[in-house]
């Protein structure tokens, strides 16, 4: 009997940077995506904001494509006839909404092109912002561990799986990190440390974040092969993960990136007079009054889209989530 693969928690930024997949021998052998930090993934557990969906198939044979933002980037989700229950749930969901998805990794490599990754859902559940924040914390913990193990492995000369096993790595991480280093070379781990700082900054508070008590999605973790433990996270552990509680004052004459994003969010709210979204032409005009160019505005709105703070209800409009 073939056991079901464990569902990994990996941020979209790391998953989308993957360019290595391996196929097992035999018709039913599982395939895996190897991320730059050595996660060897067959299944994923992700939680985020469903920001967009559309039927790219037909009425008789629908294929739903959706985007799910986790605060670092967007997962691309495809549900069709091979996952009918998930397809039906996705078809009925409204955007924006917070959802949890367990699904299989999928890859596509056009001839002579780069590899693209997506997710085929097995189960989709609408959930809460509380659980999304909890998922971010747990995914950050797992990511930090992979960062530290990757950095340790990079200090070795051509580390093999056996070398990493002898240094106390688990068999799964020894295999994944050795393959990742061979394929990706010297990974920029500072990029992923910065990602953790940014995503944790969106949701952390002085009181920490506790395991939700009213969620139905995690009441039976064994159903999804997800290991659960006491997951109340105190502030000092968040500090160890790289979250800084200190706030430096910035000159009011020059806005930093976060302040510019906050300004654009306020403009979107003010311009969304009919609750159908702020027209981008008006947004650009108002942003220019604060010395934000159209090119810079595009960068800011892309960042807000990746963080799941805004979405595009129709072409040419931006709406706050």
C-alpha atoms as a PDB file:
ATOM      1  CA  UNK A   1       0.000   0.000   0.000  1.00  0.00           C
ATOM      2  CA  UNK A   2       1.348   3.441  -0.974  1.00  0.00           C
ATOM      3  CA  UNK A   3       1.129   5.921   1.920  1.00  0.00           C
ATOM      4  CA  UNK A   4      -0.135   9.423   1.219  1.00  0.00           C
ATOM      5  CA  UNK A   5       2.461  12.179   1.031  1.00  0.00           C
ATOM      6  CA  UNK A   6       2.624  14.737   3.839  1.00  0.00           C
ATOM      7  CA  UNK A   7       1.257  18.177   2.933  1.00  0.00           C
ATOM      8  CA  UNK A   8       4.056  20.758   3.224  1.00  0.00           C
ATOM      9  CA  UNK A   9       3.638  24.375   4.311  1.00  0.00           C
ATOM     10  CA  UNK A  10       5.664  26.528   1.924  1.00  0.00           C
ATOM     11  CA  UNK A  11       5.219  30.195   1.055  1.00  0.00           C
ATOM     12  CA  UNK A  12       4.312  31.011  -2.535  1.00  0.00           C
ATOM     13  CA  UNK A  13       7.561  32.948  -3.045  1.00  0.00           C
ATOM     14  CA  UNK A  14       9.633  29.825  -2.377  1.00  0.00           C
ATOM     15  CA  UNK A  15       7.304  27.503  -4.290  1.00  0.00           C
ATOM     16  CA  UNK A  16       7.146  29.739  -7.380  1.00  0.00           C
ATOM     17  CA  UNK A  17      10.956  29.983  -7.475  1.00  0.00           C
ATOM     18  CA  UNK A  18      11.176  26.210  -7.995  1.00  0.00           C
ATOM     19  CA  UNK A  19      12.661  25.014 -11.289  1.00  0.00           C
ATOM     20  CA  UNK A  20      13.412  21.383 -10.406  1.00  0.00           C
ATOM     21  CA  UNK A  21      10.998  18.482 -10.443  1.00  0.00           C
ATOM     22  CA  UNK A  22      11.699  14.771 -10.236  1.00  0.00           C
ATOM     23  CA  UNK A  23       9.524  11.954 -11.507  1.00  0.00           C
ATOM     24  CA  UNK A  24       9.335   8.559  -9.876  1.00  0.00           C
ATOM     25  CA  UNK A  25       9.666   5.287 -11.778  1.00  0.00           C
ATOM     26  CA  UNK A  26       6.424   3.588 -12.714  1.00  0.00           C
ATOM     27  CA  UNK A  27       2.976   4.815 -13.691  1.00  0.00           C
ATOM     28  CA  UNK A  28       1.782   5.475 -10.122  1.00  0.00           C
ATOM     29  CA  UNK A  29       5.072   6.677  -8.654  1.00  0.00           C
ATOM     30  CA  UNK A  30       4.765  10.166  -7.112  1.00  0.00           C
ATOM     31  CA  UNK A  31       6.488  13.215  -8.561  1.00  0.00           C
ATOM     32  CA  UNK A  32       8.060  15.996  -6.528  1.00  0.00           C
ATOM     33  CA  UNK A  33       8.934  19.678  -6.767  1.00  0.00           C
ATOM     34  CA  UNK A  34      12.259  20.566  -5.146  1.00  0.00           C
ATOM     35  CA  UNK A  35      12.294  24.153  -3.874  1.00  0.00           C
ATOM     36  CA  UNK A  36      15.444  26.321  -3.563  1.00  0.00           C
ATOM     37  CA  UNK A  37      15.411  25.641   0.217  1.00  0.00           C
ATOM     38  CA  UNK A  38      15.234  21.871  -0.239  1.00  0.00           C
ATOM     39  CA  UNK A  39      11.563  21.134   0.399  1.00  0.00           C
ATOM     40  CA  UNK A  40      10.686  17.966  -1.530  1.00  0.00           C
ATOM     41  CA  UNK A  41       6.996  18.539  -2.178  1.00  0.00           C
ATOM     42  CA  UNK A  42       4.284  16.305  -3.556  1.00  0.00           C
ATOM     43  CA  UNK A  43       1.362  17.937  -1.674  1.00  0.00           C
ATOM     44  CA  UNK A  44       0.849  21.389  -0.169  1.00  0.00           C
ATOM     45  CA  UNK A  45      -1.290  22.922   2.570  1.00  0.00           C
ATOM     46  CA  UNK A  46      -1.817  26.625   1.848  1.00  0.00           C
ATOM     47  CA  UNK A  47      -4.033  29.324   3.361  1.00  0.00           C
ATOM     48  CA  UNK A  48      -4.599  32.757   1.885  1.00  0.00           C
ATOM     49  CA  UNK A  49      -6.949  35.163   0.157  1.00  0.00           C
ATOM     50  CA  UNK A  50      -8.687  33.984  -3.006  1.00  0.00           C
ATOM     51  CA  UNK A  51      -8.309  37.099  -5.153  1.00  0.00           C
ATOM     52  CA  UNK A  52      -9.372  35.961  -8.601  1.00  0.00           C
ATOM     53  CA  UNK A  53     -11.022  33.018 -10.350  1.00  0.00           C
ATOM     54  CA  UNK A  54     -12.339  32.237 -13.807  1.00  0.00           C
ATOM     55  CA  UNK A  55     -13.553  29.291 -15.840  1.00  0.00           C
ATOM     56  CA  UNK A  56     -10.923  28.749 -18.544  1.00  0.00           C
ATOM     57  CA  UNK A  57     -12.689  25.604 -19.781  1.00  0.00           C
ATOM     58  CA  UNK A  58     -16.207  25.258 -21.163  1.00  0.00           C
ATOM     59  CA  UNK A  59     -19.701  25.088 -19.679  1.00  0.00           C
ATOM     60  CA  UNK A  60     -19.820  21.328 -20.287  1.00  0.00           C
ATOM     61  CA  UNK A  61     -16.256  20.673 -19.130  1.00  0.00           C
ATOM     62  CA  UNK A  62     -15.247  23.498 -16.782  1.00  0.00           C
ATOM     63  CA  UNK A  63     -11.694  24.160 -15.647  1.00  0.00           C
ATOM     64  CA  UNK A  64     -11.424  26.750 -12.902  1.00  0.00           C
ATOM     65  CA  UNK A  65      -8.253  28.800 -12.543  1.00  0.00           C
ATOM     66  CA  UNK A  66      -7.772  30.820  -9.365  1.00  0.00           C
ATOM     67  CA  UNK A  67      -5.113  32.890  -7.634  1.00  0.00           C
ATOM     68  CA  UNK A  68      -4.509  32.634  -3.895  1.00  0.00           C
ATOM     69  CA  UNK A  69      -2.359  35.245  -2.141  1.00  0.00           C
ATOM     70  CA  UNK A  70      -0.472  34.273   1.024  1.00  0.00           C
ATOM     71  CA  UNK A  71       1.149  37.660   1.671  1.00  0.00           C
ATOM     72  CA  UNK A  72       4.403  36.847  -0.169  1.00  0.00           C
ATOM     73  CA  UNK A  73       3.160  35.975  -3.673  1.00  0.00           C
ATOM     74  CA  UNK A  74       0.314  34.149  -5.391  1.00  0.00           C
ATOM     75  CA  UNK A  75      -0.341  30.429  -5.888  1.00  0.00           C
ATOM     76  CA  UNK A  76      -1.935  29.418  -9.161  1.00  0.00           C
ATOM     77  CA  UNK A  77      -4.722  26.897  -8.589  1.00  0.00           C
ATOM     78  CA  UNK A  78      -6.395  24.758 -11.269  1.00  0.00           C
ATOM     79  CA  UNK A  79      -9.438  22.560 -10.585  1.00  0.00           C
ATOM     80  CA  UNK A  80     -11.158  20.456 -13.257  1.00  0.00           C
ATOM     81  CA  UNK A  81     -12.667  17.037 -13.816  1.00  0.00           C
ATOM     82  CA  UNK A  82      -9.907  15.249 -11.895  1.00  0.00           C
ATOM     83  CA  UNK A  83     -10.897  17.080  -8.685  1.00  0.00           C
ATOM     84  CA  UNK A  84     -14.687  17.477  -9.041  1.00  0.00           C
ATOM     85  CA  UNK A  85     -15.469  18.257  -5.385  1.00  0.00           C
ATOM     86  CA  UNK A  86     -12.819  20.966  -5.159  1.00  0.00           C
ATOM     87  CA  UNK A  87     -13.904  22.313  -8.539  1.00  0.00           C
ATOM     88  CA  UNK A  88     -17.480  22.685  -7.321  1.00  0.00           C
ATOM     89  CA  UNK A  89     -16.400  24.454  -4.130  1.00  0.00           C
ATOM     90  CA  UNK A  90     -14.146  26.795  -6.089  1.00  0.00           C
ATOM     91  CA  UNK A  91     -16.923  27.579  -8.558  1.00  0.00           C
ATOM     92  CA  UNK A  92     -19.210  28.662  -5.696  1.00  0.00           C
ATOM     93  CA  UNK A  93     -16.680  30.719  -3.720  1.00  0.00           C
ATOM     94  CA  UNK A  94     -16.838  34.495  -3.796  1.00  0.00           C
ATOM     95  CA  UNK A  95     -13.783  36.713  -4.213  1.00  0.00           C
ATOM     96  CA  UNK A  96     -12.201  37.895  -2.063  1.00  0.00           C
ATOM     97  CA  UNK A  97     -12.428  35.193   0.595  1.00  0.00           C
ATOM     98  CA  UNK A  98      -9.974  33.465   2.928  1.00  0.00           C
ATOM     99  CA  UNK A  99      -9.592  29.796   2.038  1.00  0.00           C
ATOM    100  CA  UNK A 100      -7.447  26.806   2.976  1.00  0.00           C
ATOM    101  CA  UNK A 101      -6.388  24.355   0.263  1.00  0.00           C
ATOM    102  CA  UNK A 102      -4.756  20.953   0.364  1.00  0.00           C
ATOM    103  CA  UNK A 103      -3.587  19.863  -3.048  1.00  0.00           C
ATOM    104  CA  UNK A 104      -1.066  18.237  -5.348  1.00  0.00           C
ATOM    105  CA  UNK A 105       1.874  20.033  -6.912  1.00  0.00           C
ATOM    106  CA  UNK A 106       1.764  20.376 -10.664  1.00  0.00           C
ATOM    107  CA  UNK A 107       4.455  21.548 -13.090  1.00  0.00           C
ATOM    108  CA  UNK A 108       4.429  22.677 -16.693  1.00  0.00           C
ATOM    109  CA  UNK A 109       7.478  23.254 -18.874  1.00  0.00           C
ATOM    110  CA  UNK A 110       6.836  24.567 -22.398  1.00  0.00           C
ATOM    111  CA  UNK A 111       9.301  23.432 -25.022  1.00  0.00           C
ATOM    112  CA  UNK A 112      12.521  25.328 -24.507  1.00  0.00           C
ATOM    113  CA  UNK A 113      11.002  27.390 -21.690  1.00  0.00           C
ATOM    114  CA  UNK A 114      11.058  27.698 -17.911  1.00  0.00           C
ATOM    115  CA  UNK A 115       9.173  25.433 -15.526  1.00  0.00           C
ATOM    116  CA  UNK A 116       5.934  26.770 -14.024  1.00  0.00           C
ATOM    117  CA  UNK A 117       4.344  25.425 -10.857  1.00  0.00           C
ATOM    118  CA  UNK A 118       0.702  25.289  -9.838  1.00  0.00           C
ATOM    119  CA  UNK A 119      -1.580  23.487  -7.407  1.00  0.00           C
ATOM    120  CA  UNK A 120      -4.391  20.996  -8.093  1.00  0.00           C
ATOM    121  CA  UNK A 121      -6.694  21.089  -5.048  1.00  0.00           C
ATOM    122  CA  UNK A 122      -7.929  17.965  -3.292  1.00  0.00           C
ATOM    123  CA  UNK A 123      -9.929  19.916  -0.699  1.00  0.00           C
ATOM    124  CA  UNK A 124     -10.899  23.578  -0.392  1.00  0.00           C
ATOM    125  CA  UNK A 125     -12.437  25.086   2.751  1.00  0.00           C
ATOM    126  CA  UNK A 126     -13.448  28.692   3.381  1.00  0.00           C
ATOM    127  CA  UNK A 127     -11.866  29.722   6.675  1.00  0.00           C
ATOM    128  CA  UNK A 128     -10.925  32.706   8.848  1.00  0.00           C
ATOM    129  CA  UNK A 129      -8.263  35.401   8.992  1.00  0.00           C
ATOM    130  CA  UNK A 130      -7.256  33.977  12.379  1.00  0.00           C
ATOM    131  CA  UNK A 131      -6.365  30.646  10.827  1.00  0.00           C
ATOM    132  CA  UNK A 132      -4.563  32.351   7.958  1.00  0.00           C
ATOM    133  CA  UNK A 133      -2.364  34.184  10.478  1.00  0.00           C
ATOM    134  CA  UNK A 134      -1.718  30.941  12.323  1.00  0.00           C
ATOM    135  CA  UNK A 135      -0.711  29.265   9.047  1.00  0.00           C
ATOM    136  CA  UNK A 136       1.694  32.124   8.288  1.00  0.00           C
ATOM    137  CA  UNK A 137       3.374  31.677  11.677  1.00  0.00           C
ATOM    138  CA  UNK A 138       3.784  27.919  11.259  1.00  0.00           C
ATOM    139  CA  UNK A 139       4.974  28.236   7.674  1.00  0.00           C
ATOM    140  CA  UNK A 140       7.499  30.866   8.773  1.00  0.00           C
ATOM    141  CA  UNK A 141       8.847  28.474  11.421  1.00  0.00           C
ATOM    142  CA  UNK A 142       9.285  25.704   8.853  1.00  0.00           C
ATOM    143  CA  UNK A 143      10.860  28.085   6.352  1.00  0.00           C
ATOM    144  CA  UNK A 144      13.334  29.433   8.891  1.00  0.00           C
ATOM    145  CA  UNK A 145      14.454  25.890   9.688  1.00  0.00           C
ATOM    146  CA  UNK A 146      15.072  25.182   5.991  1.00  0.00           C
ATOM    147  CA  UNK A 147      16.962  28.474   5.651  1.00  0.00           C
ATOM    148  CA  UNK A 148      19.260  27.561   8.544  1.00  0.00           C
ATOM    149  CA  UNK A 149      19.835  24.030   7.237  1.00  0.00           C
ATOM    150  CA  UNK A 150      20.535  25.326   3.736  1.00  0.00           C
ATOM    151  CA  UNK A 151      23.058  27.818   5.125  1.00  0.00           C
ATOM    152  CA  UNK A 152      24.745  25.028   7.080  1.00  0.00           C
ATOM    153  CA  UNK A 153      24.899  22.829   3.981  1.00  0.00           C
ATOM    154  CA  UNK A 154      26.313  25.659   1.852  1.00  0.00           C
ATOM    155  CA  UNK A 155      29.311  25.837   4.178  1.00  0.00           C
ATOM    156  CA  UNK A 156      30.257  22.314   3.064  1.00  0.00           C
ATOM    157  CA  UNK A 157      31.978  21.393  -0.197  1.00  0.00           C
ATOM    158  CA  UNK A 158      29.504  19.628  -2.505  1.00  0.00           C
ATOM    159  CA  UNK A 159      27.354  18.242   0.335  1.00  0.00           C
ATOM    160  CA  UNK A 160      25.818  14.838  -0.430  1.00  0.00           C
ATOM    161  CA  UNK A 161      22.787  13.286   1.209  1.00  0.00           C
ATOM    162  CA  UNK A 162      25.134  11.104   3.280  1.00  0.00           C
ATOM    163  CA  UNK A 163      27.123  14.162   4.420  1.00  0.00           C
ATOM    164  CA  UNK A 164      23.975  15.907   5.603  1.00  0.00           C
ATOM    165  CA  UNK A 165      22.669  12.784   7.340  1.00  0.00           C
ATOM    166  CA  UNK A 166      25.926  12.591   9.276  1.00  0.00           C
ATOM    167  CA  UNK A 167      25.345  16.201  10.412  1.00  0.00           C
ATOM    168  CA  UNK A 168      21.936  15.334  11.883  1.00  0.00           C
ATOM    169  CA  UNK A 169      19.659  16.285   8.971  1.00  0.00           C
ATOM    170  CA  UNK A 170      16.485  14.235   8.583  1.00  0.00           C
ATOM    171  CA  UNK A 171      16.454  11.866   5.563  1.00  0.00           C
ATOM    172  CA  UNK A 172      13.856  14.019   3.773  1.00  0.00           C
ATOM    173  CA  UNK A 173      15.767  17.282   4.262  1.00  0.00           C
ATOM    174  CA  UNK A 174      19.147  15.666   3.563  1.00  0.00           C
ATOM    175  CA  UNK A 175      17.868  14.464   0.205  1.00  0.00           C
ATOM    176  CA  UNK A 176      16.004  17.655  -0.659  1.00  0.00           C
ATOM    177  CA  UNK A 177      18.758  20.118   0.291  1.00  0.00           C
ATOM    178  CA  UNK A 178      21.497  18.103  -1.432  1.00  0.00           C
ATOM    179  CA  UNK A 179      19.447  18.065  -4.665  1.00  0.00           C
ATOM    180  CA  UNK A 180      18.581  21.771  -4.283  1.00  0.00           C
ATOM    181  CA  UNK A 181      22.205  22.839  -3.895  1.00  0.00           C
ATOM    182  CA  UNK A 182      23.257  20.704  -6.851  1.00  0.00           C
ATOM    183  CA  UNK A 183      20.545  22.288  -9.025  1.00  0.00           C
ATOM    184  CA  UNK A 184      20.274  25.893  -7.750  1.00  0.00           C
ATOM    185  CA  UNK A 185      23.838  26.415  -6.527  1.00  0.00           C
ATOM    186  CA  UNK A 186      24.404  29.042  -3.842  1.00  0.00           C
ATOM    187  CA  UNK A 187      20.894  30.068  -2.840  1.00  0.00           C
ATOM    188  CA  UNK A 188      20.401  33.653  -1.635  1.00  0.00           C
ATOM    189  CA  UNK A 189      18.980  32.814   1.794  1.00  0.00           C
ATOM    190  CA  UNK A 190      18.861  36.509   2.741  1.00  0.00           C
ATOM    191  CA  UNK A 191      16.063  36.856   0.204  1.00  0.00           C
ATOM    192  CA  UNK A 192      13.963  34.392   2.161  1.00  0.00           C
ATOM    193  CA  UNK A 193      14.885  35.905   5.529  1.00  0.00           C
ATOM    194  CA  UNK A 194      13.638  39.230   4.187  1.00  0.00           C
ATOM    195  CA  UNK A 195      10.447  37.533   3.006  1.00  0.00           C
ATOM    196  CA  UNK A 196       9.831  36.257   6.548  1.00  0.00           C
ATOM    197  CA  UNK A 197      10.348  39.707   8.031  1.00  0.00           C
ATOM    198  CA  UNK A 198       7.835  41.189   5.621  1.00  0.00           C
ATOM    199  CA  UNK A 199       5.105  38.571   5.968  1.00  0.00           C
ATOM    200  CA  UNK A 200       5.413  38.350   9.763  1.00  0.00           C
ATOM    201  CA  UNK A 201       5.217  42.128   9.956  1.00  0.00           C
ATOM    202  CA  UNK A 202       1.758  41.929   8.425  1.00  0.00           C
ATOM    203  CA  UNK A 203       0.210  39.831  11.176  1.00  0.00           C
ATOM    204  CA  UNK A 204       2.255  39.782  14.403  1.00  0.00           C
ATOM    205  CA  UNK A 205       1.210  41.494  17.641  1.00  0.00           C
ATOM    206  CA  UNK A 206       2.507  41.803  21.191  1.00  0.00           C
ATOM    207  CA  UNK A 207       0.300  39.017  22.446  1.00  0.00           C
ATOM    208  CA  UNK A 208       1.472  36.428  19.953  1.00  0.00           C
ATOM    209  CA  UNK A 209      -0.862  34.231  17.910  1.00  0.00           C
ATOM    210  CA  UNK A 210      -2.587  31.179  19.354  1.00  0.00           C
ATOM    211  CA  UNK A 211      -3.968  28.108  17.656  1.00  0.00           C
ATOM    212  CA  UNK A 212      -7.561  28.846  16.544  1.00  0.00           C
ATOM    213  CA  UNK A 213     -10.177  27.095  18.640  1.00  0.00           C
ATOM    214  CA  UNK A 214     -13.184  27.469  16.353  1.00  0.00           C
ATOM    215  CA  UNK A 215     -11.736  26.222  13.060  1.00  0.00           C
ATOM    216  CA  UNK A 216     -13.137  23.125  11.405  1.00  0.00           C
ATOM    217  CA  UNK A 217     -10.275  22.789   8.955  1.00  0.00           C
ATOM    218  CA  UNK A 218      -7.733  21.490  11.472  1.00  0.00           C
ATOM    219  CA  UNK A 219     -10.019  19.498  13.743  1.00  0.00           C
ATOM    220  CA  UNK A 220      -8.745  16.288  12.148  1.00  0.00           C
ATOM    221  CA  UNK A 221      -5.129  16.970  11.128  1.00  0.00           C
ATOM    222  CA  UNK A 222      -4.505  13.320  10.339  1.00  0.00           C
ATOM    223  CA  UNK A 223      -6.959  13.638   7.447  1.00  0.00           C
ATOM    224  CA  UNK A 224      -4.479  15.892   5.715  1.00  0.00           C
ATOM    225  CA  UNK A 225      -1.279  14.276   7.067  1.00  0.00           C
ATOM    226  CA  UNK A 226      -0.411  17.524   8.866  1.00  0.00           C
ATOM    227  CA  UNK A 227       1.477  17.276  12.142  1.00  0.00           C
ATOM    228  CA  UNK A 228      -0.107  19.437  14.856  1.00  0.00           C
ATOM    229  CA  UNK A 229       1.388  20.367  18.221  1.00  0.00           C
ATOM    230  CA  UNK A 230       0.978  23.094  20.829  1.00  0.00           C
ATOM    231  CA  UNK A 231       1.130  26.077  18.499  1.00  0.00           C
ATOM    232  CA  UNK A 232       0.758  29.101  20.744  1.00  0.00           C
ATOM    233  CA  UNK A 233       3.614  31.373  19.651  1.00  0.00           C
ATOM    234  CA  UNK A 234       5.036  33.774  22.269  1.00  0.00           C
ATOM    235  CA  UNK A 235       6.572  37.102  21.201  1.00  0.00           C
ATOM    236  CA  UNK A 236      10.129  36.035  22.069  1.00  0.00           C
ATOM    237  CA  UNK A 237       9.940  33.163  19.589  1.00  0.00           C
ATOM    238  CA  UNK A 238       8.820  35.559  16.882  1.00  0.00           C
ATOM    239  CA  UNK A 239      11.876  37.678  17.712  1.00  0.00           C
ATOM    240  CA  UNK A 240      14.082  34.622  17.165  1.00  0.00           C
ATOM    241  CA  UNK A 241      12.462  34.117  13.759  1.00  0.00           C
ATOM    242  CA  UNK A 242      13.591  37.564  12.721  1.00  0.00           C
ATOM    243  CA  UNK A 243      10.557  39.702  13.550  1.00  0.00           C
ATOM    244  CA  UNK A 244      11.641  43.016  15.041  1.00  0.00           C
ATOM    245  CA  UNK A 245       9.344  44.875  17.416  1.00  0.00           C
ATOM    246  CA  UNK A 246      11.343  48.103  17.299  1.00  0.00           C
ATOM    247  CA  UNK A 247       9.888  50.941  15.260  1.00  0.00           C
ATOM    248  CA  UNK A 248      12.277  53.574  13.904  1.00  0.00           C
ATOM    249  CA  UNK A 249      10.968  57.029  13.187  1.00  0.00           C
ATOM    250  CA  UNK A 250      11.236  58.143   9.573  1.00  0.00           C
ATOM    251  CA  UNK A 251      11.340  61.710   8.302  1.00  0.00           C
ATOM    252  CA  UNK A 252       7.872  62.948   7.397  1.00  0.00           C
ATOM    253  CA  UNK A 253       9.284  64.676   4.330  1.00  0.00           C
ATOM    254  CA  UNK A 254      10.024  61.330   2.649  1.00  0.00           C
ATOM    255  CA  UNK A 255       7.706  58.330   2.806  1.00  0.00           C
ATOM    256  CA  UNK A 256       9.133  54.836   3.054  1.00  0.00           C
ATOM    257  CA  UNK A 257       7.705  51.867   1.140  1.00  0.00           C
ATOM    258  CA  UNK A 258       5.247  50.879   3.884  1.00  0.00           C
ATOM    259  CA  UNK A 259       3.945  54.442   4.201  1.00  0.00           C
ATOM    260  CA  UNK A 260       3.499  54.679   0.438  1.00  0.00           C
ATOM    261  CA  UNK A 261       1.529  51.442   0.466  1.00  0.00           C
ATOM    262  CA  UNK A 262      -0.658  52.769   3.280  1.00  0.00           C
ATOM    263  CA  UNK A 263      -1.205  55.988   1.339  1.00  0.00           C
ATOM    264  CA  UNK A 264      -2.257  54.061  -1.786  1.00  0.00           C
ATOM    265  CA  UNK A 265      -4.626  51.909   0.287  1.00  0.00           C
ATOM    266  CA  UNK A 266      -6.274  55.054   1.663  1.00  0.00           C
ATOM    267  CA  UNK A 267      -6.579  56.468  -1.864  1.00  0.00           C
ATOM    268  CA  UNK A 268      -8.217  53.237  -3.044  1.00  0.00           C
ATOM    269  CA  UNK A 269     -10.721  53.468  -0.174  1.00  0.00           C
ATOM    270  CA  UNK A 270     -11.485  57.120  -0.951  1.00  0.00           C
ATOM    271  CA  UNK A 271     -11.912  56.554  -4.702  1.00  0.00           C
ATOM    272  CA  UNK A 272     -14.059  53.420  -4.329  1.00  0.00           C
ATOM    273  CA  UNK A 273     -17.230  55.512  -4.102  1.00  0.00           C
ATOM    274  CA  UNK A 274     -19.601  52.975  -5.678  1.00  0.00           C
ATOM    275  CA  UNK A 275     -18.014  49.959  -3.922  1.00  0.00           C
ATOM    276  CA  UNK A 276     -17.028  48.460  -7.280  1.00  0.00           C
ATOM    277  CA  UNK A 277     -13.373  49.431  -7.126  1.00  0.00           C
ATOM    278  CA  UNK A 278     -11.194  52.520  -7.523  1.00  0.00           C
ATOM    279  CA  UNK A 279     -10.525  53.466 -11.183  1.00  0.00           C
ATOM    280  CA  UNK A 280      -6.800  53.151 -11.873  1.00  0.00           C
ATOM    281  CA  UNK A 281      -6.756  56.381 -13.896  1.00  0.00           C
ATOM    282  CA  UNK A 282      -8.073  58.336 -10.916  1.00  0.00           C
ATOM    283  CA  UNK A 283      -5.736  56.453  -8.573  1.00  0.00           C
ATOM    284  CA  UNK A 284      -2.732  57.432 -10.714  1.00  0.00           C
ATOM    285  CA  UNK A 285      -3.860  61.072 -10.763  1.00  0.00           C
ATOM    286  CA  UNK A 286      -4.275  61.236  -6.990  1.00  0.00           C
ATOM    287  CA  UNK A 287      -1.020  59.365  -6.345  1.00  0.00           C
ATOM    288  CA  UNK A 288       0.855  61.850  -8.544  1.00  0.00           C
ATOM    289  CA  UNK A 289      -0.162  64.605  -6.121  1.00  0.00           C
ATOM    290  CA  UNK A 290       1.950  62.783  -3.517  1.00  0.00           C
ATOM    291  CA  UNK A 291       4.904  62.502  -5.946  1.00  0.00           C
ATOM    292  CA  UNK A 292       4.216  58.834  -6.755  1.00  0.00           C
ATOM    293  CA  UNK A 293       4.831  58.183 -10.441  1.00  0.00           C
ATOM    294  CA  UNK A 294       2.814  55.729 -12.532  1.00  0.00           C
ATOM    295  CA  UNK A 295       5.754  53.294 -12.625  1.00  0.00           C
ATOM    296  CA  UNK A 296       6.107  53.458  -8.835  1.00  0.00           C
ATOM    297  CA  UNK A 297       2.347  53.124  -8.394  1.00  0.00           C
ATOM    298  CA  UNK A 298       2.431  49.919 -10.459  1.00  0.00           C
ATOM    299  CA  UNK A 299       5.152  48.513  -8.179  1.00  0.00           C
ATOM    300  CA  UNK A 300       3.120  49.437  -5.090  1.00  0.00           C
ATOM    301  CA  UNK A 301      -0.129  47.917  -6.373  1.00  0.00           C
ATOM    302  CA  UNK A 302       1.704  44.723  -7.415  1.00  0.00           C
ATOM    303  CA  UNK A 303       3.091  44.486  -3.886  1.00  0.00           C
ATOM    304  CA  UNK A 304      -0.386  44.987  -2.411  1.00  0.00           C
ATOM    305  CA  UNK A 305      -1.777  42.308  -4.742  1.00  0.00           C
ATOM    306  CA  UNK A 306       0.938  39.862  -3.648  1.00  0.00           C
ATOM    307  CA  UNK A 307       0.159  40.572   0.004  1.00  0.00           C
ATOM    308  CA  UNK A 308      -3.540  39.916  -0.544  1.00  0.00           C
ATOM    309  CA  UNK A 309      -4.531  43.417   0.557  1.00  0.00           C
ATOM    310  CA  UNK A 310      -6.205  44.424  -2.718  1.00  0.00           C
ATOM    311  CA  UNK A 311      -7.616  42.754  -5.816  1.00  0.00           C
ATOM    312  CA  UNK A 312      -8.865  43.677  -9.274  1.00  0.00           C
ATOM    313  CA  UNK A 313     -12.655  43.131  -9.464  1.00  0.00           C
ATOM    314  CA  UNK A 314     -12.574  44.181 -13.129  1.00  0.00           C
ATOM    315  CA  UNK A 315      -9.930  45.392 -15.558  1.00  0.00           C
ATOM    316  CA  UNK A 316      -8.928  48.962 -14.756  1.00  0.00           C
ATOM    317  CA  UNK A 317     -10.110  48.976 -11.155  1.00  0.00           C
ATOM    318  CA  UNK A 318      -8.527  48.201  -7.781  1.00  0.00           C
ATOM    319  CA  UNK A 319     -10.456  47.290  -4.632  1.00  0.00           C
ATOM    320  CA  UNK A 320      -9.433  46.935  -0.983  1.00  0.00           C
ATOM    321  CA  UNK A 321      -9.899  43.484   0.585  1.00  0.00           C
END
